[in-house]
N, C-alpha and C. Protein backbone atom coordinates (compact mmCIF):
# COMPACT_ATOMS: atom_id res chain seq x y z
N UNK A 1 -9.58 30.66 34.75
CA UNK A 1 -10.84 30.88 34.07
C UNK A 1 -11.47 31.41 34.54
N UNK A 2 -12.46 29.97 35.48
CA UNK A 2 -13.35 30.15 36.34
C UNK A 2 -13.11 30.80 36.98
N UNK A 3 -12.60 30.87 37.88
CA UNK A 3 -12.27 31.48 39.21
C UNK A 3 -12.02 33.31 38.85
N UNK A 4 -11.84 33.86 37.63
CA UNK A 4 -11.92 35.06 37.19
C UNK A 4 -12.94 35.41 36.82
N UNK A 5 -14.11 34.34 35.95
CA UNK A 5 -15.64 34.88 35.77
C UNK A 5 -16.06 34.69 37.21
N UNK A 6 -15.96 33.84 37.99
CA UNK A 6 -16.44 33.90 39.35
C UNK A 6 -16.32 34.94 40.14
N UNK A 7 -15.65 35.51 40.31
CA UNK A 7 -14.80 36.80 40.66
C UNK A 7 -15.60 38.40 39.94
N UNK A 8 -15.94 38.23 38.54
CA UNK A 8 -15.95 38.96 37.93
C UNK A 8 -17.68 39.07 38.29
N UNK A 9 -18.15 38.23 38.28
CA UNK A 9 -19.55 37.84 38.17
C UNK A 9 -20.46 38.59 39.63
N UNK A 10 -19.59 38.08 40.65
CA UNK A 10 -19.94 38.55 41.99
C UNK A 10 -19.20 40.01 42.26
N UNK A 11 -18.54 40.36 41.51
CA UNK A 11 -18.49 41.87 41.46
C UNK A 11 -19.27 42.92 40.85
N UNK A 12 -19.22 42.11 39.83
CA UNK A 12 -20.65 42.87 39.08
C UNK A 12 -21.66 43.11 39.93
N UNK A 13 -22.27 41.43 40.54
CA UNK A 13 -23.88 41.95 41.17
C UNK A 13 -23.27 43.52 42.09
N UNK A 14 -22.27 43.03 43.13
CA UNK A 14 -22.05 43.75 44.25
C UNK A 14 -22.01 45.36 43.70
N UNK A 15 -21.17 45.70 42.61
CA UNK A 15 -20.94 47.27 41.91
C UNK A 15 -22.46 47.76 41.49
N UNK A 16 -23.34 47.20 40.88
CA UNK A 16 -24.05 47.29 40.59
C UNK A 16 -25.34 47.82 41.40
N UNK A 17 -25.34 47.09 42.15
CA UNK A 17 -25.79 47.43 43.67
C UNK A 17 -27.87 47.56 43.53
N UNK A 18 -28.05 45.84 42.86
CA UNK A 18 -29.81 46.22 42.58
C UNK A 18 -30.09 45.94 44.16
N UNK A 19 -30.05 46.22 45.25
CA UNK A 19 -30.11 45.81 46.41
C UNK A 19 -31.47 45.76 46.92
N UNK A 20 -32.23 44.65 47.16
CA UNK A 20 -34.34 44.59 47.20
C UNK A 20 -33.73 44.70 49.01
N UNK A 21 -32.88 44.80 49.78
CA UNK A 21 -32.74 44.42 50.78
C UNK A 21 -32.42 43.08 51.44
N UNK A 22 -31.83 43.01 52.67
CA UNK A 22 -31.53 41.09 52.85
C UNK A 22 -32.20 40.87 53.92
N UNK A 23 -32.63 39.59 53.22
CA UNK A 23 -33.65 38.63 54.12
C UNK A 23 -33.21 37.19 54.29
N UNK A 24 -33.59 36.96 55.80
CA UNK A 24 -32.76 36.01 55.68
C UNK A 24 -34.16 34.75 55.81
N UNK A 25 -33.45 33.78 54.76
CA UNK A 25 -34.50 32.67 54.59
C UNK A 25 -33.05 31.20 54.69
N UNK A 26 -34.64 30.31 54.98
CA UNK A 26 -34.36 28.74 54.85
C UNK A 26 -33.25 28.44 54.05
N UNK A 27 -32.47 28.19 53.74
CA UNK A 27 -31.99 28.09 52.37
C UNK A 27 -32.56 26.72 51.26
N UNK A 28 -32.95 27.01 50.10
CA UNK A 28 -33.47 26.12 49.73
C UNK A 28 -33.00 24.47 49.28
N UNK A 29 -33.20 23.07 49.56
CA UNK A 29 -32.96 21.92 49.19
C UNK A 29 -33.24 21.77 50.10
N UNK A 30 -33.21 19.85 49.72
CA UNK A 30 -34.37 18.91 50.70
C UNK A 30 -33.42 18.15 51.23
N UNK A 31 -33.47 17.81 52.68
CA UNK A 31 -33.47 18.65 53.66
C UNK A 31 -32.29 19.42 53.96
N UNK A 32 -32.18 20.84 54.24
CA UNK A 32 -31.26 21.48 54.56
C UNK A 32 -31.04 20.97 55.93
N UNK A 33 -29.80 21.34 56.41
CA UNK A 33 -29.62 20.95 57.86
C UNK A 33 -30.26 22.13 58.80
N UNK A 34 -30.10 21.86 60.09
CA UNK A 34 -30.57 22.76 60.99
C UNK A 34 -29.41 23.88 60.93
N UNK A 35 -30.54 25.25 60.80
CA UNK A 35 -29.75 26.65 61.19
C UNK A 35 -28.60 26.84 59.76
N UNK A 36 -29.12 26.07 58.40
CA UNK A 36 -28.72 26.80 57.17
C UNK A 36 -29.58 27.77 56.79
N UNK A 37 -29.12 29.31 56.48
CA UNK A 37 -29.19 30.21 56.28
C UNK A 37 -28.62 30.53 54.67
N UNK A 38 -30.47 31.58 53.87
CA UNK A 38 -30.00 31.71 52.24
C UNK A 38 -29.92 33.40 53.09
N UNK A 39 -29.25 34.51 52.82
CA UNK A 39 -29.45 35.63 52.88
C UNK A 39 -29.77 36.62 51.02
N UNK A 40 -30.48 37.17 50.90
CA UNK A 40 -30.58 38.11 49.90
C UNK A 40 -29.97 39.06 49.52
N UNK A 41 -28.63 39.23 49.25
CA UNK A 41 -28.12 40.56 48.89
C UNK A 41 -28.62 41.52 47.88
N UNK A 42 -28.73 40.85 47.09
CA UNK A 42 -28.72 41.76 45.76
C UNK A 42 -29.91 41.20 44.58
N UNK A 43 -30.96 41.18 43.68
CA UNK A 43 -31.14 41.01 42.53
C UNK A 43 -31.67 41.88 41.61
N UNK A 44 -31.81 41.01 40.11
CA UNK A 44 -32.12 42.00 39.41
C UNK A 44 -32.05 40.65 38.29
N UNK A 45 -33.20 41.43 36.72
CA UNK A 45 -33.14 40.54 35.58
C UNK A 45 -32.76 41.61 34.97
N UNK A 46 -31.43 40.95 33.82
CA UNK A 46 -31.62 41.28 32.62
C UNK A 46 -32.03 40.69 31.44
N UNK A 47 -32.89 41.31 30.49
CA UNK A 47 -33.40 40.43 29.74
C UNK A 47 -34.46 39.21 30.44
N UNK A 48 -33.77 37.92 29.54
CA UNK A 48 -34.25 36.63 30.32
C UNK A 48 -33.62 35.95 31.47
N UNK A 49 -32.56 36.69 32.23
CA UNK A 49 -31.64 36.07 32.99
C UNK A 49 -32.20 36.57 34.22
N UNK A 50 -31.67 36.50 35.38
CA UNK A 50 -32.71 36.41 36.80
C UNK A 50 -30.79 36.23 37.68
N UNK A 51 -30.21 37.51 38.23
CA UNK A 51 -28.81 37.91 39.08
C UNK A 51 -29.31 37.70 40.44
N UNK A 52 -29.02 36.53 40.93
CA UNK A 52 -29.74 36.96 42.72
C UNK A 52 -27.67 36.59 43.45
N UNK A 53 -27.98 37.26 44.07
CA UNK A 53 -26.58 37.36 44.78
C UNK A 53 -26.92 36.98 46.26
N UNK A 54 -26.42 36.27 46.78
CA UNK A 54 -26.96 35.79 48.29
C UNK A 54 -25.99 34.72 49.51
N UNK A 55 -26.22 35.72 50.20
CA UNK A 55 -25.09 34.66 51.32
C UNK A 55 -25.67 33.45 51.73
N UNK A 56 -24.90 32.11 51.81
CA UNK A 56 -25.73 31.47 53.06
C UNK A 56 -24.35 30.88 53.91
N UNK A 57 -25.00 30.16 55.09
CA UNK A 57 -24.12 29.95 55.59
C UNK A 57 -24.75 28.70 56.60
N UNK A 58 -23.51 27.70 56.82
CA UNK A 58 -24.38 26.44 56.86
C UNK A 58 -22.90 26.21 57.90
N UNK A 59 -23.94 25.71 59.52
CA UNK A 59 -23.10 25.56 60.79
C UNK A 59 -22.05 23.72 60.42
N UNK A 60 -21.79 24.00 61.66
CA UNK A 60 -20.96 22.74 61.44
C UNK A 60 -21.45 21.57 61.62
N UNK A 61 -21.04 20.62 60.61
CA UNK A 61 -22.39 19.16 60.98
C UNK A 61 -23.23 19.49 59.00
N UNK A 62 -23.48 20.60 58.53
CA UNK A 62 -25.05 20.57 58.37
C UNK A 62 -24.56 20.19 56.98
N UNK A 63 -25.47 20.47 55.67
CA UNK A 63 -25.39 20.53 54.84
C UNK A 63 -26.62 21.13 53.72
N UNK A 64 -26.38 21.41 52.76
CA UNK A 64 -27.47 22.78 51.70
C UNK A 64 -28.49 21.20 51.56
N UNK A 65 -28.62 20.04 51.30
CA UNK A 65 -29.74 18.91 50.97
C UNK A 65 -29.07 18.72 49.94
N UNK A 66 -29.44 17.68 49.12
CA UNK A 66 -28.93 17.07 47.38
C UNK A 66 -30.13 18.43 46.92
N UNK A 67 -29.70 18.92 45.25
CA UNK A 67 -30.61 19.48 44.78
C UNK A 67 -29.54 19.67 44.00
N UNK A 68 -30.06 20.65 42.88
CA UNK A 68 -29.46 21.53 41.49
C UNK A 68 -30.04 22.69 41.27
N UNK A 69 -29.75 23.37 39.98
CA UNK A 69 -29.71 24.71 39.51
C UNK A 69 -30.13 24.53 38.31
N UNK A 70 -30.86 25.41 37.96
CA UNK A 70 -31.52 25.69 36.56
C UNK A 70 -30.72 26.39 35.44
N UNK A 71 -29.78 27.24 36.41
CA UNK A 71 -28.72 27.96 35.60
C UNK A 71 -27.64 27.68 36.22
N UNK A 72 -26.62 28.55 35.33
CA UNK A 72 -25.06 28.49 36.55
C UNK A 72 -25.15 29.10 37.68
N UNK A 73 -24.22 28.62 38.44
CA UNK A 73 -23.95 29.09 39.77
C UNK A 73 -22.61 29.76 39.99
N UNK A 74 -22.52 30.24 40.45
CA UNK A 74 -20.93 31.13 40.75
C UNK A 74 -20.47 31.11 42.73
N UNK A 75 -19.69 30.31 43.51
CA UNK A 75 -19.18 30.86 44.68
C UNK A 75 -18.11 31.64 45.11
N UNK A 76 -18.34 32.08 46.33
CA UNK A 76 -16.78 32.33 46.66
C UNK A 76 -16.63 31.60 48.38
N UNK A 77 -15.81 31.23 48.79
CA UNK A 77 -16.05 30.89 50.12
C UNK A 77 -15.88 32.35 51.07
N UNK A 78 -16.31 32.45 51.32
CA UNK A 78 -15.66 33.39 52.31
C UNK A 78 -15.22 33.22 53.79
N UNK A 79 -15.68 31.74 54.31
CA UNK A 79 -15.19 31.17 55.64
C UNK A 79 -15.55 29.55 56.10
N UNK A 80 -14.76 29.25 56.52
CA UNK A 80 -14.76 27.51 56.60
C UNK A 80 -14.29 27.00 55.19
N UNK A 81 -14.45 25.87 55.16
CA UNK A 81 -14.35 24.78 54.09
C UNK A 81 -15.72 23.98 53.83
N UNK A 82 -15.96 24.43 52.47
CA UNK A 82 -16.89 23.31 51.64
C UNK A 82 -16.78 22.06 50.91
N UNK A 83 -17.34 20.64 51.87
CA UNK A 83 -16.90 19.83 51.07
C UNK A 83 -18.11 19.96 50.37
N UNK A 84 -17.95 18.87 48.73
CA UNK A 84 -19.03 19.22 47.52
C UNK A 84 -18.70 18.20 47.27
N UNK A 85 -19.85 17.31 47.02
CA UNK A 85 -20.42 15.70 46.60
C UNK A 85 -21.13 16.07 45.53
N UNK A 86 -20.82 15.10 44.59
CA UNK A 86 -21.67 14.98 43.55
C UNK A 86 -22.23 13.54 43.66
N UNK A 87 -23.52 13.32 42.31
CA UNK A 87 -24.63 12.10 42.66
C UNK A 87 -23.95 11.09 42.89
N UNK A 88 -22.74 10.71 41.97
CA UNK A 88 -21.66 9.62 42.61
C UNK A 88 -21.42 9.04 44.13
N UNK A 89 -22.18 10.12 45.07
CA UNK A 89 -21.28 10.41 46.16
C UNK A 89 -19.77 10.04 46.95
N UNK A 90 -19.31 10.94 45.64
CA UNK A 90 -17.63 11.15 45.26
C UNK A 90 -17.65 12.69 45.45
N UNK A 91 -16.70 12.67 46.38
CA UNK A 91 -16.12 14.36 46.63
C UNK A 91 -15.46 14.79 45.32
N UNK A 92 -16.18 15.94 44.70
CA UNK A 92 -16.17 16.78 43.57
C UNK A 92 -14.93 17.92 44.25
N UNK A 93 -14.90 17.98 45.44
CA UNK A 93 -13.91 19.39 45.41
C UNK A 93 -13.58 19.92 46.89
N UNK A 94 -13.26 20.24 47.33
CA UNK A 94 -13.10 20.43 48.81
C UNK A 94 -12.90 22.13 48.56
N UNK A 95 -13.36 23.29 48.99
CA UNK A 95 -13.01 24.57 48.82
C UNK A 95 -12.75 25.18 50.04
N UNK A 96 -11.80 25.75 50.70
CA UNK A 96 -11.36 26.54 51.63
C UNK A 96 -12.05 27.98 51.67
N UNK A 97 -11.19 28.56 52.67
CA UNK A 97 -12.31 30.08 52.41
C UNK A 97 -10.90 30.75 51.58
N UNK A 98 -11.43 31.94 50.80
CA UNK A 98 -10.69 32.25 49.13
C UNK A 98 -10.77 31.76 48.17
N UNK A 99 -11.61 30.18 48.15
CA UNK A 99 -11.95 29.35 47.16
C UNK A 99 -13.12 30.06 46.04
N UNK A 100 -12.68 29.53 44.92
CA UNK A 100 -14.07 29.77 44.07
C UNK A 100 -15.06 28.24 43.81
N UNK A 101 -16.00 28.36 43.37
CA UNK A 101 -17.05 27.45 43.08
C UNK A 101 -17.53 27.61 41.84
N UNK A 102 -17.97 26.34 40.72
CA UNK A 102 -18.76 27.38 39.80
C UNK A 102 -19.75 25.61 39.45
N UNK A 103 -20.89 25.69 39.76
CA UNK A 103 -21.80 24.80 39.50
C UNK A 103 -22.65 24.73 38.19
N UNK A 104 -22.45 23.85 37.33
CA UNK A 104 -23.25 23.89 36.40
C UNK A 104 -24.67 23.67 36.40
N UNK A 105 -25.55 24.04 35.45
CA UNK A 105 -26.83 23.81 35.06
C UNK A 105 -27.10 22.27 34.99
N UNK A 106 -28.50 22.44 35.83
CA UNK A 106 -29.57 20.92 34.83
C UNK A 106 -29.36 19.57 35.50
N UNK A 107 -30.36 18.79 35.77
CA UNK A 107 -30.50 17.71 36.52
C UNK A 107 -29.12 16.74 36.36
N UNK A 108 -28.17 16.70 35.30
CA UNK A 108 -27.43 15.55 35.68
C UNK A 108 -26.46 16.59 36.31
N UNK A 109 -26.30 17.56 36.98
CA UNK A 109 -25.44 18.09 38.20
C UNK A 109 -26.17 18.19 39.36
N UNK A 110 -26.34 16.97 39.96
CA UNK A 110 -27.14 17.18 41.25
C UNK A 110 -26.17 17.01 42.55
N UNK A 111 -26.19 17.86 43.25
CA UNK A 111 -24.91 18.07 44.45
C UNK A 111 -25.49 18.56 45.76
N UNK A 112 -24.33 17.64 46.96
CA UNK A 112 -24.80 18.53 47.65
C UNK A 112 -23.71 19.09 48.46
N UNK A 113 -23.51 20.29 49.25
CA UNK A 113 -22.73 20.93 49.69
C UNK A 113 -22.55 20.38 51.20
N UNK A 114 -21.42 19.89 52.36
CA UNK A 114 -21.05 19.74 53.31
C UNK A 114 -20.48 20.53 53.94
N UNK A 115 -20.47 20.92 55.18
CA UNK A 115 -19.45 21.78 56.57
C UNK A 115 -19.45 20.70 57.31
N UNK A 116 -18.01 19.98 57.10
CA UNK A 116 -17.40 18.73 57.72
C UNK A 116 -16.56 19.69 58.76
N UNK A 117 -16.53 20.31 59.11
CA UNK A 117 -15.36 21.77 59.88
C UNK A 117 -16.37 21.72 60.83
N UNK A 118 -15.61 22.47 61.82
CA UNK A 118 -15.97 22.87 63.34
C UNK A 118 -16.50 24.31 63.28
N UNK A 119 -16.23 25.08 62.08
CA UNK A 119 -16.63 26.45 62.21
C UNK A 119 -17.43 26.55 60.64
N UNK A 120 -18.66 28.10 61.28
CA UNK A 120 -19.61 27.70 60.12
C UNK A 120 -18.83 28.43 58.81
N UNK A 121 -19.43 27.69 57.65
CA UNK A 121 -18.82 27.98 56.37
C UNK A 121 -19.82 29.05 55.81
N UNK A 122 -18.92 30.29 55.04
CA UNK A 122 -19.92 31.32 54.47
C UNK A 122 -19.87 31.30 53.31
N UNK A 123 -20.98 31.38 52.52
CA UNK A 123 -20.75 31.67 50.46
C UNK A 123 -21.23 32.70 50.69
N UNK A 124 -20.61 32.93 49.54
CA UNK A 124 -20.89 34.42 48.34
C UNK A 124 -21.30 33.87 47.67
N UNK A 125 -22.54 33.86 46.52
CA UNK A 125 -23.25 32.62 45.62
C UNK A 125 -24.12 33.95 44.96
N UNK A 126 -23.22 33.73 43.73
CA UNK A 126 -24.45 34.38 42.26
C UNK A 126 -25.06 33.27 41.79
N UNK A 127 -25.88 33.16 41.82
CA UNK A 127 -26.72 32.70 40.53
C UNK A 127 -27.20 33.51 39.02
N UNK A 128 -27.04 32.23 38.35
CA UNK A 128 -27.47 33.36 37.05
C UNK A 128 -28.50 31.97 36.40
N UNK A 129 -29.68 32.32 36.68
CA UNK A 129 -30.97 31.69 36.22
C UNK A 129 -31.85 32.07 34.91
N UNK A 130 -32.42 31.63 34.36
CA UNK A 130 -33.45 31.77 33.53
C UNK A 130 -34.48 32.14 34.21
N UNK A 131 -35.11 33.81 33.73
CA UNK A 131 -36.09 34.34 34.78
C UNK A 131 -37.22 33.67 35.26
N UNK A 132 -37.15 33.90 36.59
CA UNK A 132 -38.38 33.06 37.50
C UNK A 132 -38.06 31.54 37.71
N UNK A 133 -37.00 30.91 37.33
CA UNK A 133 -36.57 29.73 37.83
C UNK A 133 -36.46 29.84 39.10
N UNK A 134 -36.32 29.23 40.66
CA UNK A 134 -35.99 28.46 41.56
C UNK A 134 -34.89 29.03 41.67
N UNK A 135 -33.94 29.50 42.91
CA UNK A 135 -32.94 29.03 42.98
C UNK A 135 -32.29 27.89 43.27
N UNK A 136 -33.20 26.81 43.86
CA UNK A 136 -32.77 25.00 43.78
C UNK A 136 -33.79 24.43 43.36
N UNK A 137 -33.75 23.57 42.68
CA UNK A 137 -34.52 22.38 42.66
C UNK A 137 -34.24 20.92 43.77
N UNK A 138 -34.86 20.70 44.09
CA UNK A 138 -34.63 19.57 45.46
C UNK A 138 -34.31 18.70 44.56
N UNK A 139 -33.64 17.51 45.47
CA UNK A 139 -33.79 16.32 44.65
C UNK A 139 -33.14 15.20 45.29
N UNK A 140 -33.68 13.84 45.52
CA UNK A 140 -33.37 12.99 46.51
C UNK A 140 -32.18 12.90 46.48
N UNK A 141 -31.26 11.82 47.81
CA UNK A 141 -30.82 11.51 48.17
C UNK A 141 -30.44 10.07 46.70
N UNK A 142 -29.66 10.79 46.20
CA UNK A 142 -28.76 9.89 45.18
C UNK A 142 -28.59 8.19 45.55
N UNK A 143 -28.50 7.74 47.05
CA UNK A 143 -28.25 6.76 47.45
C UNK A 143 -26.77 6.60 48.35
N UNK A 144 -26.67 7.96 48.41
CA UNK A 144 -25.17 8.23 49.69
C UNK A 144 -25.26 7.99 51.06
N UNK A 145 -24.85 7.52 51.79
CA UNK A 145 -25.02 7.29 53.46
C UNK A 145 -24.61 8.29 54.13
N UNK A 146 -24.68 9.31 53.00
CA UNK A 146 -25.09 10.66 54.28
C UNK A 146 -25.73 11.73 53.34
N UNK A 147 -26.27 12.57 54.23
CA UNK A 147 -27.18 13.79 54.03
C UNK A 147 -26.57 14.96 53.99
């Protein structure tokens, strides 16, 4: 179900083509590792929701930094393997190329994505956010021995 929802969401944004032009910017979370980038592919607002399609690249050994989202986020792993950890410092998933991930909204869902492999992780991410919300909200390390 989640896999189909993520595919449908990513496909809908791509098909509708609300392109604003691709802009590379550092991925937002504190602190994202060196070289982590996010490129907005398209963005639109429908009703009270913003839909943002973004490509994120994490070089080997880097992370997104600890963060959470104000809305649900759906991702597809295009390349590499994403290791995902929750605020208990436990792995809550390892996502290889071709995998889909869903991140629920809210402060109870602080997490970090890490590239523990030797090739860049490339993610296609669809953010479904309340209008005007940031892509991510920074969060402090919850006490894990990694960043």
